[in-house]
Protein backbone atom coordinates (compact mmCIF):
# COMPACT_ATOMS: atom_id res chain seq x y z
CA MET A 1 30.18 -10.57 -11.74
CA TYR A 2 27.30 -8.77 -10.51
CA ASP A 3 27.78 -6.21 -8.23
CA TYR A 4 24.70 -7.02 -6.19
CA GLU A 5 24.20 -7.36 -2.31
CA ARG A 6 20.72 -7.84 -0.79
CA ILE A 7 19.85 -6.21 2.26
CA ASP A 8 17.23 -7.84 4.64
CA THR A 9 16.39 -6.45 7.60
CA TRP A 10 13.90 -8.18 10.41
CA ASN A 11 13.54 -8.55 13.83
CA PRO A 12 15.48 -11.75 15.38
CA GLU A 13 13.03 -12.35 18.20
CA LYS A 14 10.22 -12.18 15.82
CA LEU A 15 11.74 -14.26 13.26
CA ASP A 16 12.35 -16.76 15.82
CA LYS A 17 8.88 -17.12 16.82
CA LEU A 18 7.38 -16.73 13.37
CA SER A 19 9.64 -19.42 11.95
CA HIS A 20 8.45 -21.83 14.50
CA HIS A 21 4.75 -21.47 13.80
CA TYR A 22 5.31 -21.55 9.98
CA PHE A 23 7.33 -24.94 10.90
CA GLU A 24 4.10 -26.02 12.51
CA ILE A 25 1.98 -24.96 9.99
CA LEU A 26 3.61 -26.85 7.39
CA LYS A 27 3.46 -30.06 9.65
CA LEU A 28 -0.52 -29.48 9.95
CA LEU A 29 -0.71 -29.14 6.58
CA GLY A 30 0.64 -32.65 5.83
CA GLU A 31 4.23 -31.48 4.54
CA ASP A 32 7.48 -33.47 4.85
CA THR A 33 9.41 -30.64 7.12
CA ALA A 34 12.77 -32.50 6.41
CA ARG A 35 12.88 -32.47 2.86
CA GLU A 36 15.38 -30.34 1.09
CA GLY A 37 12.95 -27.76 -0.42
CA LEU A 38 11.43 -26.63 2.83
CA LEU A 39 14.45 -26.95 5.25
CA GLU A 40 14.71 -23.19 5.30
CA THR A 41 10.94 -22.16 4.29
CA PRO A 42 9.84 -21.12 7.90
CA ILE A 43 12.41 -18.84 8.22
CA ARG A 44 11.97 -17.34 4.75
CA VAL A 45 8.40 -16.91 5.26
CA GLY A 46 8.98 -15.39 8.72
CA LYS A 47 11.27 -12.65 6.92
CA ALA A 48 8.91 -12.37 4.24
CA MET A 49 5.93 -11.60 6.32
CA GLN A 50 8.10 -9.05 8.24
CA PHE A 51 9.22 -7.53 5.07
CA MET A 52 5.28 -7.34 3.74
CA THR A 53 4.11 -5.81 7.05
CA GLN A 54 6.67 -3.35 7.51
CA GLY A 55 4.19 -0.70 7.51
CA TYR A 56 3.23 -1.32 11.24
CA ASP A 57 6.94 0.42 11.85
CA VAL A 58 6.02 3.44 9.81
CA ASN A 59 4.32 6.71 10.75
CA PRO A 60 2.90 8.15 7.51
CA GLU A 61 2.01 11.59 8.87
CA GLU A 62 5.52 11.87 9.78
CA ILE A 63 6.96 10.90 6.37
CA LEU A 64 4.72 13.77 5.05
CA SER A 65 5.64 16.31 7.58
CA SER A 66 9.07 15.76 6.97
CA ALA A 67 9.14 17.35 3.72
CA MET A 68 6.58 20.04 4.04
CA PHE A 69 7.44 23.37 2.17
CA LYS A 70 5.35 26.80 2.49
CA GLU A 71 4.50 27.23 -1.37
CA ASP A 72 1.50 29.47 -2.83
CA TYR A 73 0.07 27.00 -5.26
CA ARG A 74 -3.53 25.91 -4.98
CA GLU A 75 -3.89 24.01 -8.18
CA MET A 76 -4.21 20.28 -8.20
CA VAL A 77 -1.40 18.01 -7.42
CA ILE A 78 -1.86 14.43 -8.79
CA VAL A 79 0.54 11.27 -8.05
CA LYS A 80 -0.96 8.52 -10.15
CA ASP A 81 -0.11 4.79 -10.92
CA ILE A 82 1.42 4.24 -7.57
CA GLU A 83 1.90 0.23 -7.31
CA VAL A 84 0.05 -1.06 -4.30
CA TYR A 85 1.00 -4.53 -2.64
CA SER A 86 -0.85 -5.24 0.14
CA MET A 87 -2.32 -8.31 2.18
CA CYS A 88 -6.10 -8.88 2.83
CA GLU A 89 -6.71 -9.21 6.36
CA HIS A 90 -9.25 -11.86 5.95
CA HIS A 91 -7.21 -14.53 4.33
CA MET A 92 -3.78 -12.93 4.25
CA ILE A 93 -3.69 -13.30 0.36
CA PRO A 94 -2.32 -10.57 -1.40
CA PHE A 95 -4.20 -7.77 -3.34
CA ILE A 96 -2.39 -5.79 -6.11
CA GLY A 97 -3.30 -2.74 -7.83
CA ARG A 98 -2.65 1.11 -8.16
CA ALA A 99 -3.13 4.01 -6.24
CA HIS A 100 -3.99 7.54 -7.71
CA VAL A 101 -3.67 10.30 -5.06
CA ALA A 102 -4.28 14.14 -5.50
CA TYR A 103 -4.69 17.08 -3.39
CA ILE A 104 -4.99 20.73 -3.63
CA PRO A 105 -2.33 22.75 -1.57
CA ASN A 106 -3.48 25.25 1.02
CA GLY A 107 -0.22 26.99 1.71
CA TYR A 108 2.04 24.09 2.13
CA ILE A 109 3.13 21.11 -0.37
CA THR A 110 4.97 18.03 0.37
CA GLY A 111 7.71 16.32 -1.46
CA LEU A 112 6.14 14.09 -4.47
CA SER A 113 7.98 10.75 -3.35
CA LYS A 114 6.23 11.20 0.33
CA ILE A 115 2.94 10.62 -1.17
CA ALA A 116 4.09 7.13 -2.69
CA ARG A 117 5.69 6.26 0.76
CA VAL A 118 2.50 7.03 2.41
CA VAL A 119 0.51 4.57 0.33
CA GLU A 120 3.19 1.99 0.65
CA ALA A 121 3.29 2.53 4.94
CA TYR A 122 -0.28 2.00 4.85
CA ALA A 123 -0.28 -0.86 2.33
CA ARG A 124 2.52 -3.12 3.90
CA ARG A 125 -0.21 -4.14 6.91
CA LEU A 126 -3.02 -6.18 6.83
CA GLN A 127 -5.71 -4.52 5.24
CA VAL A 128 -8.91 -4.32 3.47
CA GLN A 129 -8.91 -1.75 0.34
CA GLU A 130 -11.74 0.30 1.96
CA ARG A 131 -9.95 1.12 4.95
CA LEU A 132 -6.58 1.52 3.02
CA THR A 133 -8.07 4.24 0.68
CA THR A 134 -9.64 6.10 3.56
CA GLN A 135 -6.18 5.97 5.71
CA ILE A 136 -4.21 7.46 2.98
CA LYS A 137 -6.75 10.23 2.35
CA ASN A 138 -6.88 10.94 6.28
CA ALA A 139 -2.97 11.04 6.73
CA ILE A 140 -2.72 13.75 3.83
CA GLN A 141 -5.74 15.60 5.17
CA ASP A 142 -4.70 15.80 8.60
CA THR A 143 -1.16 16.66 8.07
CA LEU A 144 -1.08 19.04 5.19
CA ASN A 145 -4.63 20.58 5.76
CA PRO A 146 -5.23 21.10 1.79
CA LEU A 147 -8.19 22.45 0.33
CA GLY A 148 -9.18 18.83 -0.59
CA VAL A 149 -7.84 15.17 -1.03
CA ALA A 150 -8.93 12.43 -3.31
CA VAL A 151 -7.67 8.75 -3.61
CA VAL A 152 -8.90 6.21 -5.86
CA ILE A 153 -7.24 2.66 -5.70
CA GLU A 154 -7.93 -0.18 -8.39
CA ALA A 155 -6.90 -3.65 -7.32
CA LYS A 156 -7.06 -7.19 -7.79
CA HIS A 157 -7.78 -9.41 -5.05
CA LEU A 158 -6.05 -12.99 -5.15
CA CYS A 159 -8.76 -14.34 -2.60
CA MET A 160 -11.01 -13.84 -5.58
CA THR A 161 -9.05 -15.23 -8.29
CA MET A 162 -7.42 -18.26 -6.31
CA ARG A 163 -10.04 -19.03 -4.21
CA GLY A 164 -14.01 -18.47 -3.51
CA VAL A 165 -15.52 -17.46 -6.66
CA GLN A 166 -12.31 -17.54 -8.72
CA LYS A 167 -13.14 -14.79 -11.24
CA GLN A 168 -9.79 -14.04 -12.82
CA ASN A 169 -10.38 -10.62 -14.18
CA SER A 170 -12.47 -8.57 -11.75
CA VAL A 171 -11.05 -5.63 -10.46
CA THR A 172 -12.00 -3.68 -7.18
CA THR A 173 -12.01 0.14 -7.19
CA THR A 174 -12.58 2.37 -4.13
CA SER A 175 -12.43 6.23 -3.80
CA ASP A 176 -12.50 8.69 -0.98
CA PHE A 177 -12.77 12.57 -1.15
CA THR A 178 -12.32 15.71 0.80
CA GLY A 179 -12.88 19.28 0.63
CA ALA A 180 -12.85 20.70 -3.07
CA PHE A 181 -13.04 17.06 -4.59
CA ARG A 182 -16.58 16.71 -3.32
CA LYS A 183 -17.54 19.23 -5.99
CA LYS A 184 -18.66 17.47 -8.93
CA GLU A 185 -16.46 19.53 -11.64
CA THR A 186 -13.16 19.05 -9.60
CA ARG A 187 -13.69 15.36 -8.87
CA GLU A 188 -14.28 14.92 -12.50
CA GLU A 189 -11.08 16.65 -13.53
CA PHE A 190 -9.30 14.31 -11.13
CA ILE A 191 -11.00 11.33 -12.91
CA HIS A 192 -10.32 12.30 -16.07
CA LEU A 193 -6.56 13.36 -15.51
CA ILE A 194 -6.01 9.85 -13.84
CA GLY A 195 -7.47 8.03 -16.66
CA THR A 196 -5.50 10.11 -19.28
CA ASN A 197 -2.03 8.92 -20.46
CA LEU A 198 -0.34 12.25 -20.65
CA HIS A 199 3.10 11.24 -20.07
CA SER A 200 3.34 9.15 -23.22
């Protein structure tokens, strides 16, 4: 036997409304809502949508400020290859990729896991990749007031691979920089480091 317990959290009132609407959507699509495989689908989708948009209930700046520590370190801090799972707000189809985030402290550092949690908080909303990139940058800049912030996101958009132009191998890259990262040499060091496999 596996010692496994799945923990789901959702808002019952939202779930009731969402499942009602997804039931109607299934009917509009021409499906038989009475067949066995679809009986619980509206509820499952309602729970899934609440999970995939849980970022609306999270304050990213509070995440960062909950673990701020005074530290006299003024070199680059990079957290790279942070998995990104988000939903395109135009078609509500996922885009999936990785975020690379760096900052140069100015008296304060934050827990490394908090950077990943900030990415998650903004990604778990209906998004466009461009806005997601800037929101992550702004949260870190506004909360920690570092000497600079750099964010690069690389993602595959299923709205391009499943529909539309159906280009299977296209990757979208977005970037945003503040402060010291606007200097060419600092930015180039960051780009070099996120492209180097130092941990192998």
